[in-house]
Amino acid sequence: MSRKHTIETKLTMAFSPEVLQVEDESYKHAAGPEAQSHFKVVVVSTHFEGQRLLARHCAVNEALAEEFAAGMHALAIHAFTPEEWAARNEQAQASPNCMGGGA
């Protein structure tokens, strides 16, 4: 099973998201596209209502702790309530290019 699929499964179980996007951004980094080491996630869930950004990020990191232990290096987290997502026109920020290599 790919790490992307594992991330999707774990985040779905943890947050029952209305929107879940998982993008493997390893190709943007020196490790290369096969590394499965750098990911971006967009999680839109009512679970985040009343939570500050730090608490949301901690919850996502906790849900994926085993992936970090198994070699995932970086995770860009975009965690929104459904209302916040709608107010953003259903778009998250693009990840910056890596300064250390890759595309």
PDB file of N, CA and C in Angstrom:
ATOM      1  N   MET A   1       0.846  -1.183   0.000  1.00  0.00           N
ATOM      2  CA  MET A   1       0.000   0.000   0.000  1.00  0.00           C
ATOM      3  C   MET A   1       0.890   1.245   0.000  1.00  0.00           C
ATOM      4  N   SER A   2       0.540   2.229  -0.795  1.00  0.00           N
ATOM      5  CA  SER A   2       1.335   3.459  -0.865  1.00  0.00           C
ATOM      6  C   SER A   2       1.143   4.289   0.403  1.00  0.00           C
ATOM      7  N   ARG A   3       2.121   5.105   0.711  1.00  0.00           N
ATOM      8  CA  ARG A   3       2.005   5.993   1.870  1.00  0.00           C
ATOM      9  C   ARG A   3       0.835   6.962   1.674  1.00  0.00           C
ATOM     10  N   LYS A   4       0.613   7.411   0.445  1.00  0.00           N
ATOM     11  CA  LYS A   4      -0.516   8.311   0.184  1.00  0.00           C
ATOM     12  C   LYS A   4      -1.828   7.641   0.589  1.00  0.00           C
ATOM     13  N   HIS A   5      -2.001   6.402   0.225  1.00  0.00           N
ATOM     14  CA  HIS A   5      -3.231   5.684   0.572  1.00  0.00           C
ATOM     15  C   HIS A   5      -3.348   5.512   2.093  1.00  0.00           C
ATOM     16  N   THR A   6      -2.235   5.212   2.735  1.00  0.00           N
ATOM     17  CA  THR A   6      -2.235   5.070   4.190  1.00  0.00           C
ATOM     18  C   THR A   6      -2.627   6.377   4.864  1.00  0.00           C
ATOM     19  N   ILE A   7      -2.091   7.492   4.381  1.00  0.00           N
ATOM     20  CA  ILE A   7      -2.438   8.807   4.928  1.00  0.00           C
ATOM     21  C   ILE A   7      -3.928   9.072   4.742  1.00  0.00           C
ATOM     22  N   GLU A   8      -4.442   8.800   3.553  1.00  0.00           N
ATOM     23  CA  GLU A   8      -5.867   8.998   3.297  1.00  0.00           C
ATOM     24  C   GLU A   8      -6.721   8.182   4.264  1.00  0.00           C
ATOM     25  N   THR A   9      -6.354   6.949   4.462  1.00  0.00           N
ATOM     26  CA  THR A   9      -7.109   6.065   5.356  1.00  0.00           C
ATOM     27  C   THR A   9      -7.086   6.568   6.791  1.00  0.00           C
ATOM     28  N   LYS A  10      -5.905   6.932   7.277  1.00  0.00           N
ATOM     29  CA  LYS A  10      -5.776   7.381   8.665  1.00  0.00           C
ATOM     30  C   LYS A  10      -6.503   8.697   8.911  1.00  0.00           C
ATOM     31  N   LEU A  11      -6.415   9.623   7.970  1.00  0.00           N
ATOM     32  CA  LEU A  11      -7.093  10.907   8.153  1.00  0.00           C
ATOM     33  C   LEU A  11      -8.611  10.759   8.039  1.00  0.00           C
ATOM     34  N   THR A  12      -9.057   9.868   7.191  1.00  0.00           N
ATOM     35  CA  THR A  12     -10.493   9.607   7.081  1.00  0.00           C
ATOM     36  C   THR A  12     -11.020   9.013   8.384  1.00  0.00           C
ATOM     37  N   MET A  13     -10.291   8.087   8.939  1.00  0.00           N
ATOM     38  CA  MET A  13     -10.709   7.471  10.201  1.00  0.00           C
ATOM     39  C   MET A  13     -10.703   8.473  11.354  1.00  0.00           C
ATOM     40  N   ALA A  14      -9.731   9.357  11.374  1.00  0.00           N
ATOM     41  CA  ALA A  14      -9.580  10.300  12.482  1.00  0.00           C
ATOM     42  C   ALA A  14     -10.550  11.475  12.416  1.00  0.00           C
ATOM     43  N   PHE A  15     -10.875  11.944  11.198  1.00  0.00           N
ATOM     44  CA  PHE A  15     -11.599  13.208  11.079  1.00  0.00           C
ATOM     45  C   PHE A  15     -12.901  13.149  10.284  1.00  0.00           C
ATOM     46  N   SER A  16     -13.213  12.048   9.648  1.00  0.00           N
ATOM     47  CA  SER A  16     -14.421  11.954   8.799  1.00  0.00           C
ATOM     48  C   SER A  16     -14.569  13.216   7.949  1.00  0.00           C
ATOM     49  N   PRO A  17     -13.558  13.530   7.152  1.00  0.00           N
ATOM     50  CA  PRO A  17     -13.551  14.814   6.451  1.00  0.00           C
ATOM     51  C   PRO A  17     -14.595  14.908   5.341  1.00  0.00           C
ATOM     52  N   GLU A  18     -15.082  16.126   5.143  1.00  0.00           N
ATOM     53  CA  GLU A  18     -15.952  16.422   4.001  1.00  0.00           C
ATOM     54  C   GLU A  18     -15.115  16.537   2.732  1.00  0.00           C
ATOM     55  N   VAL A  19     -13.891  17.029   2.885  1.00  0.00           N
ATOM     56  CA  VAL A  19     -12.928  17.131   1.790  1.00  0.00           C
ATOM     57  C   VAL A  19     -11.600  16.613   2.315  1.00  0.00           C
ATOM     58  N   LEU A  20     -10.968  15.766   1.525  1.00  0.00           N
ATOM     59  CA  LEU A  20      -9.626  15.282   1.852  1.00  0.00           C
ATOM     60  C   LEU A  20      -8.817  15.229   0.569  1.00  0.00           C
ATOM     61  N   GLN A  21      -7.723  15.964   0.578  1.00  0.00           N
ATOM     62  CA  GLN A  21      -6.794  15.944  -0.550  1.00  0.00           C
ATOM     63  C   GLN A  21      -5.420  15.599  -0.003  1.00  0.00           C
ATOM     64  N   VAL A  22      -4.801  14.598  -0.577  1.00  0.00           N
ATOM     65  CA  VAL A  22      -3.454  14.199  -0.180  1.00  0.00           C
ATOM     66  C   VAL A  22      -2.593  14.206  -1.437  1.00  0.00           C
ATOM     67  N   GLU A  23      -1.557  15.033  -1.406  1.00  0.00           N
ATOM     68  CA  GLU A  23      -0.674  15.151  -2.564  1.00  0.00           C
ATOM     69  C   GLU A  23       0.753  14.786  -2.169  1.00  0.00           C
ATOM     70  N   ASP A  24       1.325  13.855  -2.886  1.00  0.00           N
ATOM     71  CA  ASP A  24       2.722  13.482  -2.683  1.00  0.00           C
ATOM     72  C   ASP A  24       3.573  14.519  -3.409  1.00  0.00           C
ATOM     73  N   GLU A  25       4.264  15.349  -2.644  1.00  0.00           N
ATOM     74  CA  GLU A  25       5.097  16.412  -3.216  1.00  0.00           C
ATOM     75  C   GLU A  25       6.584  16.048  -3.206  1.00  0.00           C
ATOM     76  N   SER A  26       6.880  14.784  -3.061  1.00  0.00           N
ATOM     77  CA  SER A  26       8.276  14.338  -3.014  1.00  0.00           C
ATOM     78  C   SER A  26       9.045  14.734  -4.270  1.00  0.00           C
ATOM     79  N   TYR A  27       8.353  14.787  -5.403  1.00  0.00           N
ATOM     80  CA  TYR A  27       9.015  15.136  -6.663  1.00  0.00           C
ATOM     81  C   TYR A  27       9.603  16.540  -6.641  1.00  0.00           C
ATOM     82  N   LYS A  28       9.157  17.390  -5.728  1.00  0.00           N
ATOM     83  CA  LYS A  28       9.672  18.755  -5.625  1.00  0.00           C
ATOM     84  C   LYS A  28      10.958  18.835  -4.800  1.00  0.00           C
ATOM     85  N   HIS A  29      11.404  17.714  -4.276  1.00  0.00           N
ATOM     86  CA  HIS A  29      12.512  17.704  -3.329  1.00  0.00           C
ATOM     87  C   HIS A  29      13.639  16.799  -3.796  1.00  0.00           C
ATOM     88  N   ALA A  30      14.781  16.980  -3.192  1.00  0.00           N
ATOM     89  CA  ALA A  30      15.981  16.247  -3.598  1.00  0.00           C
ATOM     90  C   ALA A  30      15.817  14.738  -3.441  1.00  0.00           C
ATOM     91  N   ALA A  31      14.947  14.308  -2.542  1.00  0.00           N
ATOM     92  CA  ALA A  31      14.753  12.865  -2.324  1.00  0.00           C
ATOM     93  C   ALA A  31      14.168  12.176  -3.553  1.00  0.00           C
ATOM     94  N   GLY A  32      13.466  12.926  -4.370  1.00  0.00           N
ATOM     95  CA  GLY A  32      12.922  12.386  -5.610  1.00  0.00           C
ATOM     96  C   GLY A  32      11.509  11.854  -5.485  1.00  0.00           C
ATOM     97  N   PRO A  33      10.873  11.628  -6.627  1.00  0.00           N
ATOM     98  CA  PRO A  33       9.453  11.277  -6.660  1.00  0.00           C
ATOM     99  C   PRO A  33       9.120   9.927  -6.035  1.00  0.00           C
ATOM    100  N   GLU A  34      10.060   9.027  -5.971  1.00  0.00           N
ATOM    101  CA  GLU A  34       9.772   7.696  -5.407  1.00  0.00           C
ATOM    102  C   GLU A  34       9.919   7.658  -3.890  1.00  0.00           C
ATOM    103  N   ALA A  35      10.386   8.727  -3.276  1.00  0.00           N
ATOM    104  CA  ALA A  35      10.703   8.731  -1.848  1.00  0.00           C
ATOM    105  C   ALA A  35       9.467   8.634  -0.947  1.00  0.00           C
ATOM    106  N   GLN A  36       8.333   9.140  -1.401  1.00  0.00           N
ATOM    107  CA  GLN A  36       7.116   9.203  -0.580  1.00  0.00           C
ATOM    108  C   GLN A  36       7.436   9.818   0.789  1.00  0.00           C
ATOM    109  N   SER A  37       8.135  10.949   0.752  1.00  0.00           N
ATOM    110  CA  SER A  37       8.633  11.563   1.985  1.00  0.00           C
ATOM    111  C   SER A  37       8.030  12.929   2.296  1.00  0.00           C
ATOM    112  N   HIS A  38       7.469  13.598   1.297  1.00  0.00           N
ATOM    113  CA  HIS A  38       6.932  14.944   1.472  1.00  0.00           C
ATOM    114  C   HIS A  38       5.483  14.970   0.973  1.00  0.00           C
ATOM    115  N   PHE A  39       4.567  15.375   1.853  1.00  0.00           N
ATOM    116  CA  PHE A  39       3.150  15.377   1.493  1.00  0.00           C
ATOM    117  C   PHE A  39       2.482  16.688   1.878  1.00  0.00           C
ATOM    118  N   LYS A  40       1.418  16.977   1.166  1.00  0.00           N
ATOM    119  CA  LYS A  40       0.535  18.099   1.476  1.00  0.00           C
ATOM    120  C   LYS A  40      -0.846  17.502   1.687  1.00  0.00           C
ATOM    121  N   VAL A  41      -1.502  17.910   2.782  1.00  0.00           N
ATOM    122  CA  VAL A  41      -2.863  17.449   3.025  1.00  0.00           C
ATOM    123  C   VAL A  41      -3.785  18.640   3.224  1.00  0.00           C
ATOM    124  N   VAL A  42      -4.968  18.509   2.666  1.00  0.00           N
ATOM    125  CA  VAL A  42      -6.061  19.436   2.916  1.00  0.00           C
ATOM    126  C   VAL A  42      -7.147  18.601   3.576  1.00  0.00           C
ATOM    127  N   VAL A  43      -7.509  18.976   4.787  1.00  0.00           N
ATOM    128  CA  VAL A  43      -8.528  18.253   5.545  1.00  0.00           C
ATOM    129  C   VAL A  43      -9.602  19.254   5.943  1.00  0.00           C
ATOM    130  N   VAL A  44     -10.825  19.024   5.480  1.00  0.00           N
ATOM    131  CA  VAL A  44     -11.955  19.879   5.823  1.00  0.00           C
ATOM    132  C   VAL A  44     -12.906  19.035   6.658  1.00  0.00           C
ATOM    133  N   SER A  45     -13.066  19.433   7.914  1.00  0.00           N
ATOM    134  CA  SER A  45     -13.849  18.610   8.839  1.00  0.00           C
ATOM    135  C   SER A  45     -14.507  19.455   9.918  1.00  0.00           C
ATOM    136  N   THR A  46     -15.678  19.039  10.323  1.00  0.00           N
ATOM    137  CA  THR A  46     -16.339  19.686  11.461  1.00  0.00           C
ATOM    138  C   THR A  46     -15.562  19.411  12.752  1.00  0.00           C
ATOM    139  N   HIS A  47     -14.708  18.419  12.741  1.00  0.00           N
ATOM    140  CA  HIS A  47     -13.866  18.094  13.896  1.00  0.00           C
ATOM    141  C   HIS A  47     -13.032  19.306  14.333  1.00  0.00           C
ATOM    142  N   PHE A  48     -12.713  20.194  13.412  1.00  0.00           N
ATOM    143  CA  PHE A  48     -11.850  21.334  13.710  1.00  0.00           C
ATOM    144  C   PHE A  48     -12.597  22.550  14.257  1.00  0.00           C
ATOM    145  N   GLU A  49     -13.912  22.471  14.330  1.00  0.00           N
ATOM    146  CA  GLU A  49     -14.678  23.615  14.832  1.00  0.00           C
ATOM    147  C   GLU A  49     -14.283  23.920  16.278  1.00  0.00           C
ATOM    148  N   GLY A  50     -14.004  25.188  16.547  1.00  0.00           N
ATOM    149  CA  GLY A  50     -13.613  25.618  17.884  1.00  0.00           C
ATOM    150  C   GLY A  50     -12.154  25.371  18.217  1.00  0.00           C
ATOM    151  N   GLN A  51     -11.387  24.819  17.272  1.00  0.00           N
ATOM    152  CA  GLN A  51      -9.969  24.564  17.514  1.00  0.00           C
ATOM    153  C   GLN A  51      -9.109  25.621  16.835  1.00  0.00           C
ATOM    154  N   ARG A  52      -8.052  25.998  17.518  1.00  0.00           N
ATOM    155  CA  ARG A  52      -7.065  26.887  16.914  1.00  0.00           C
ATOM    156  C   ARG A  52      -6.192  26.094  15.956  1.00  0.00           C
ATOM    157  N   LEU A  53      -5.476  26.819  15.129  1.00  0.00           N
ATOM    158  CA  LEU A  53      -4.629  26.201  14.113  1.00  0.00           C
ATOM    159  C   LEU A  53      -3.642  25.200  14.706  1.00  0.00           C
ATOM    160  N   LEU A  54      -2.985  25.560  15.808  1.00  0.00           N
ATOM    161  CA  LEU A  54      -2.002  24.674  16.416  1.00  0.00           C
ATOM    162  C   LEU A  54      -2.640  23.353  16.853  1.00  0.00           C
ATOM    163  N   ALA A  55      -3.811  23.408  17.441  1.00  0.00           N
ATOM    164  CA  ALA A  55      -4.495  22.182  17.871  1.00  0.00           C
ATOM    165  C   ALA A  55      -4.858  21.310  16.674  1.00  0.00           C
ATOM    166  N   ARG A  56      -5.255  21.917  15.580  1.00  0.00           N
ATOM    167  CA  ARG A  56      -5.579  21.176  14.364  1.00  0.00           C
ATOM    168  C   ARG A  56      -4.347  20.453  13.828  1.00  0.00           C
ATOM    169  N   HIS A  57      -3.249  21.184  13.765  1.00  0.00           N
ATOM    170  CA  HIS A  57      -2.011  20.600  13.252  1.00  0.00           C
ATOM    171  C   HIS A  57      -1.522  19.473  14.160  1.00  0.00           C
ATOM    172  N   CYS A  58      -1.616  19.681  15.462  1.00  0.00           N
ATOM    173  CA  CYS A  58      -1.220  18.624  16.402  1.00  0.00           C
ATOM    174  C   CYS A  58      -2.071  17.379  16.203  1.00  0.00           C
ATOM    175  N   ALA A  59      -3.370  17.547  15.991  1.00  0.00           N
ATOM    176  CA  ALA A  59      -4.259  16.403  15.788  1.00  0.00           C
ATOM    177  C   ALA A  59      -3.901  15.640  14.511  1.00  0.00           C
ATOM    178  N   VAL A  60      -3.603  16.358  13.442  1.00  0.00           N
ATOM    179  CA  VAL A  60      -3.218  15.705  12.184  1.00  0.00           C
ATOM    180  C   VAL A  60      -1.877  14.998  12.358  1.00  0.00           C
ATOM    181  N   ASN A  61      -0.927  15.672  12.971  1.00  0.00           N
ATOM    182  CA  ASN A  61       0.381  15.045  13.215  1.00  0.00           C
ATOM    183  C   ASN A  61       0.239  13.792  14.075  1.00  0.00           C
ATOM    184  N   GLU A  62      -0.608  13.844  15.078  1.00  0.00           N
ATOM    185  CA  GLU A  62      -0.823  12.680  15.942  1.00  0.00           C
ATOM    186  C   GLU A  62      -1.415  11.517  15.147  1.00  0.00           C
ATOM    187  N   ALA A  63      -2.373  11.817  14.281  1.00  0.00           N
ATOM    188  CA  ALA A  63      -2.991  10.768  13.460  1.00  0.00           C
ATOM    189  C   ALA A  63      -1.982  10.100  12.533  1.00  0.00           C
ATOM    190  N   LEU A  64      -0.930  10.844  12.175  1.00  0.00           N
ATOM    191  CA  LEU A  64       0.064  10.326  11.226  1.00  0.00           C
ATOM    192  C   LEU A  64       1.420  10.047  11.874  1.00  0.00           C
ATOM    193  N   ALA A  65       1.448   9.918  13.181  1.00  0.00           N
ATOM    194  CA  ALA A  65       2.709   9.710  13.905  1.00  0.00           C
ATOM    195  C   ALA A  65       3.472   8.498  13.392  1.00  0.00           C
ATOM    196  N   GLU A  66       2.782   7.425  13.086  1.00  0.00           N
ATOM    197  CA  GLU A  66       3.462   6.219  12.589  1.00  0.00           C
ATOM    198  C   GLU A  66       4.121   6.464  11.235  1.00  0.00           C
ATOM    199  N   GLU A  67       3.528   7.314  10.426  1.00  0.00           N
ATOM    200  CA  GLU A  67       4.125   7.621   9.119  1.00  0.00           C
ATOM    201  C   GLU A  67       5.426   8.402   9.291  1.00  0.00           C
ATOM    202  N   PHE A  68       5.446   9.333  10.237  1.00  0.00           N
ATOM    203  CA  PHE A  68       6.692  10.057  10.511  1.00  0.00           C
ATOM    204  C   PHE A  68       7.754   9.092  11.026  1.00  0.00           C
ATOM    205  N   ALA A  69       7.365   8.179  11.900  1.00  0.00           N
ATOM    206  CA  ALA A  69       8.305   7.200  12.445  1.00  0.00           C
ATOM    207  C   ALA A  69       8.843   6.275  11.356  1.00  0.00           C
ATOM    208  N   ALA A  70       8.055   6.097  10.293  1.00  0.00           N
ATOM    209  CA  ALA A  70       8.452   5.197   9.205  1.00  0.00           C
ATOM    210  C   ALA A  70       9.144   5.913   8.051  1.00  0.00           C
ATOM    211  N   GLY A  71       9.500   7.185   8.225  1.00  0.00           N
ATOM    212  CA  GLY A  71      10.301   7.855   7.219  1.00  0.00           C
ATOM    213  C   GLY A  71       9.677   9.029   6.492  1.00  0.00           C
ATOM    214  N   MET A  72       8.412   9.363   6.797  1.00  0.00           N
ATOM    215  CA  MET A  72       7.851  10.567   6.183  1.00  0.00           C
ATOM    216  C   MET A  72       8.603  11.758   6.775  1.00  0.00           C
ATOM    217  N   HIS A  73       9.061  12.638   5.916  1.00  0.00           N
ATOM    218  CA  HIS A  73       9.941  13.726   6.340  1.00  0.00           C
ATOM    219  C   HIS A  73       9.192  15.039   6.576  1.00  0.00           C
ATOM    220  N   ALA A  74       8.211  15.342   5.733  1.00  0.00           N
ATOM    221  CA  ALA A  74       7.552  16.648   5.811  1.00  0.00           C
ATOM    222  C   ALA A  74       6.081  16.526   5.472  1.00  0.00           C
ATOM    223  N   LEU A  75       5.285  17.371   6.135  1.00  0.00           N
ATOM    224  CA  LEU A  75       3.852  17.377   5.916  1.00  0.00           C
ATOM    225  C   LEU A  75       3.343  18.810   5.964  1.00  0.00           C
ATOM    226  N   ALA A  76       2.815  19.289   4.857  1.00  0.00           N
ATOM    227  CA  ALA A  76       2.164  20.596   4.819  1.00  0.00           C
ATOM    228  C   ALA A  76       0.693  20.354   5.141  1.00  0.00           C
ATOM    229  N   ILE A  77       0.217  20.967   6.225  1.00  0.00           N
ATOM    230  CA  ILE A  77      -1.142  20.725   6.698  1.00  0.00           C
ATOM    231  C   ILE A  77      -2.000  21.955   6.463  1.00  0.00           C
ATOM    232  N   HIS A  78      -3.146  21.720   5.831  1.00  0.00           N
ATOM    233  CA  HIS A  78      -4.161  22.753   5.633  1.00  0.00           C
ATOM    234  C   HIS A  78      -5.448  22.176   6.201  1.00  0.00           C
ATOM    235  N   ALA A  79      -5.812  22.612   7.403  1.00  0.00           N
ATOM    236  CA  ALA A  79      -6.958  22.049   8.117  1.00  0.00           C
ATOM    237  C   ALA A  79      -8.009  23.128   8.319  1.00  0.00           C
ATOM    238  N   PHE A  80      -9.198  22.882   7.783  1.00  0.00           N
ATOM    239  CA  PHE A  80     -10.269  23.874   7.792  1.00  0.00           C
ATOM    240  C   PHE A  80     -11.579  23.285   8.282  1.00  0.00           C
ATOM    241  N   THR A  81     -12.444  24.150   8.795  1.00  0.00           N
ATOM    242  CA  THR A  81     -13.839  23.776   9.008  1.00  0.00           C
ATOM    243  C   THR A  81     -14.533  23.920   7.650  1.00  0.00           C
ATOM    244  N   PRO A  82     -15.695  23.326   7.481  1.00  0.00           N
ATOM    245  CA  PRO A  82     -16.410  23.504   6.206  1.00  0.00           C
ATOM    246  C   PRO A  82     -16.679  24.983   5.871  1.00  0.00           C
ATOM    247  N   GLU A  83     -16.989  25.783   6.874  1.00  0.00           N
ATOM    248  CA  GLU A  83     -17.261  27.206   6.635  1.00  0.00           C
ATOM    249  C   GLU A  83     -16.004  27.940   6.178  1.00  0.00           C
ATOM    250  N   GLU A  84     -14.869  27.638   6.800  1.00  0.00           N
ATOM    251  CA  GLU A  84     -13.606  28.257   6.401  1.00  0.00           C
ATOM    252  C   GLU A  84     -13.236  27.859   4.977  1.00  0.00           C
ATOM    253  N   TRP A  85     -13.452  26.603   4.637  1.00  0.00           N
ATOM    254  CA  TRP A  85     -13.145  26.099   3.309  1.00  0.00           C
ATOM    255  C   TRP A  85     -13.982  26.824   2.265  1.00  0.00           C
ATOM    256  N   ALA A  86     -15.270  26.989   2.549  1.00  0.00           N
ATOM    257  CA  ALA A  86     -16.160  27.692   1.619  1.00  0.00           C
ATOM    258  C   ALA A  86     -15.722  29.149   1.459  1.00  0.00           C
ATOM    259  N   ALA A  87     -15.311  29.782   2.548  1.00  0.00           N
ATOM    260  CA  ALA A  87     -14.875  31.185   2.503  1.00  0.00           C
ATOM    261  C   ALA A  87     -13.583  31.352   1.695  1.00  0.00           C
ATOM    262  N   ARG A  88     -12.804  30.289   1.582  1.00  0.00           N
ATOM    263  CA  ARG A  88     -11.549  30.324   0.808  1.00  0.00           C
ATOM    264  C   ARG A  88     -11.781  29.919  -0.637  1.00  0.00           C
ATOM    265  N   ASN A  89     -13.019  29.821  -1.035  1.00  0.00           N
ATOM    266  CA  ASN A  89     -13.374  29.364  -2.382  1.00  0.00           C
ATOM    267  C   ASN A  89     -12.809  27.974  -2.657  1.00  0.00           C
ATOM    268  N   GLU A  90     -12.784  27.160  -1.598  1.00  0.00           N
ATOM    269  CA  GLU A  90     -12.358  25.767  -1.689  1.00  0.00           C
ATOM    270  C   GLU A  90     -10.961  25.611  -2.283  1.00  0.00           C
ATOM    271  N   GLN A  91     -10.044  26.452  -1.790  1.00  0.00           N
ATOM    272  CA  GLN A  91      -8.657  26.395  -2.260  1.00  0.00           C
ATOM    273  C   GLN A  91      -7.704  26.538  -1.080  1.00  0.00           C
ATOM    274  N   ALA A  92      -6.618  25.791  -1.136  1.00  0.00           N
ATOM    275  CA  ALA A  92      -5.543  25.906  -0.151  1.00  0.00           C
ATOM    276  C   ALA A  92      -4.338  26.543  -0.830  1.00  0.00           C
ATOM    277  N   GLN A  93      -3.438  27.075  -0.025  1.00  0.00           N
ATOM    278  CA  GLN A  93      -2.205  27.662  -0.555  1.00  0.00           C
ATOM    279  C   GLN A  93      -1.371  26.611  -1.258  1.00  0.00           C
ATOM    280  N   ALA A  94      -0.692  27.030  -2.294  1.00  0.00           N
ATOM    281  CA  ALA A  94       0.263  26.143  -2.967  1.00  0.00           C
ATOM    282  C   ALA A  94       1.512  26.021  -2.102  1.00  0.00           C
ATOM    283  N   SER A  95       2.132  24.870  -2.144  1.00  0.00           N
ATOM    284  CA  SER A  95       3.382  24.673  -1.410  1.00  0.00           C
ATOM    285  C   SER A  95       4.516  25.356  -2.152  1.00  0.00           C
ATOM    286  N   PRO A  96       5.466  25.920  -1.410  1.00  0.00           N
ATOM    287  CA  PRO A  96       6.619  26.539  -2.069  1.00  0.00           C
ATOM    288  C   PRO A  96       7.540  25.479  -2.642  1.00  0.00           C
ATOM    289  N   ASN A  97       8.351  25.873  -3.606  1.00  0.00           N
ATOM    290  CA  ASN A  97       9.342  24.962  -4.162  1.00  0.00           C
ATOM    291  C   ASN A  97      10.448  24.748  -3.128  1.00  0.00           C
ATOM    292  N   CYS A  98      11.032  23.583  -3.162  1.00  0.00           N
ATOM    293  CA  CYS A  98      12.123  23.239  -2.261  1.00  0.00           C
ATOM    294  C   CYS A  98      13.378  24.003  -2.662  1.00  0.00           C
ATOM    295  N   MET A  99      14.085  24.487  -1.680  1.00  0.00           N
ATOM    296  CA  MET A  99      15.330  25.207  -1.956  1.00  0.00           C
ATOM    297  C   MET A  99      16.522  24.258  -2.049  1.00  0.00           C
ATOM    298  N   GLY A 100      16.308  22.973  -1.658  1.00  0.00           N
ATOM    299  CA  GLY A 100      17.422  22.051  -1.595  1.00  0.00           C
ATOM    300  C   GLY A 100      17.547  21.098  -2.775  1.00  0.00           C
ATOM    301  N   GLY A 101      16.756  21.278  -3.787  1.00  0.00           N
ATOM    302  CA  GLY A 101      16.874  20.397  -4.940  1.00  0.00           C
ATOM    303  C   GLY A 101      15.522  19.964  -5.445  1.00  0.00           C
ATOM    304  N   GLY A 102      15.523  19.146  -6.428  1.00  0.00           N
ATOM    305  CA  GLY A 102      14.273  18.691  -7.023  1.00  0.00           C
ATOM    306  C   GLY A 102      13.802  19.648  -8.082  1.00  0.00           C
ATOM    307  N   ALA A 103      12.509  19.563  -8.418  1.00  0.00           N
ATOM    308  CA  ALA A 103      11.921  20.373  -9.489  1.00  0.00           C
ATOM    309  C   ALA A 103      11.828  21.827  -9.156  1.00  0.00           C
TER     310      ALA A 103
END
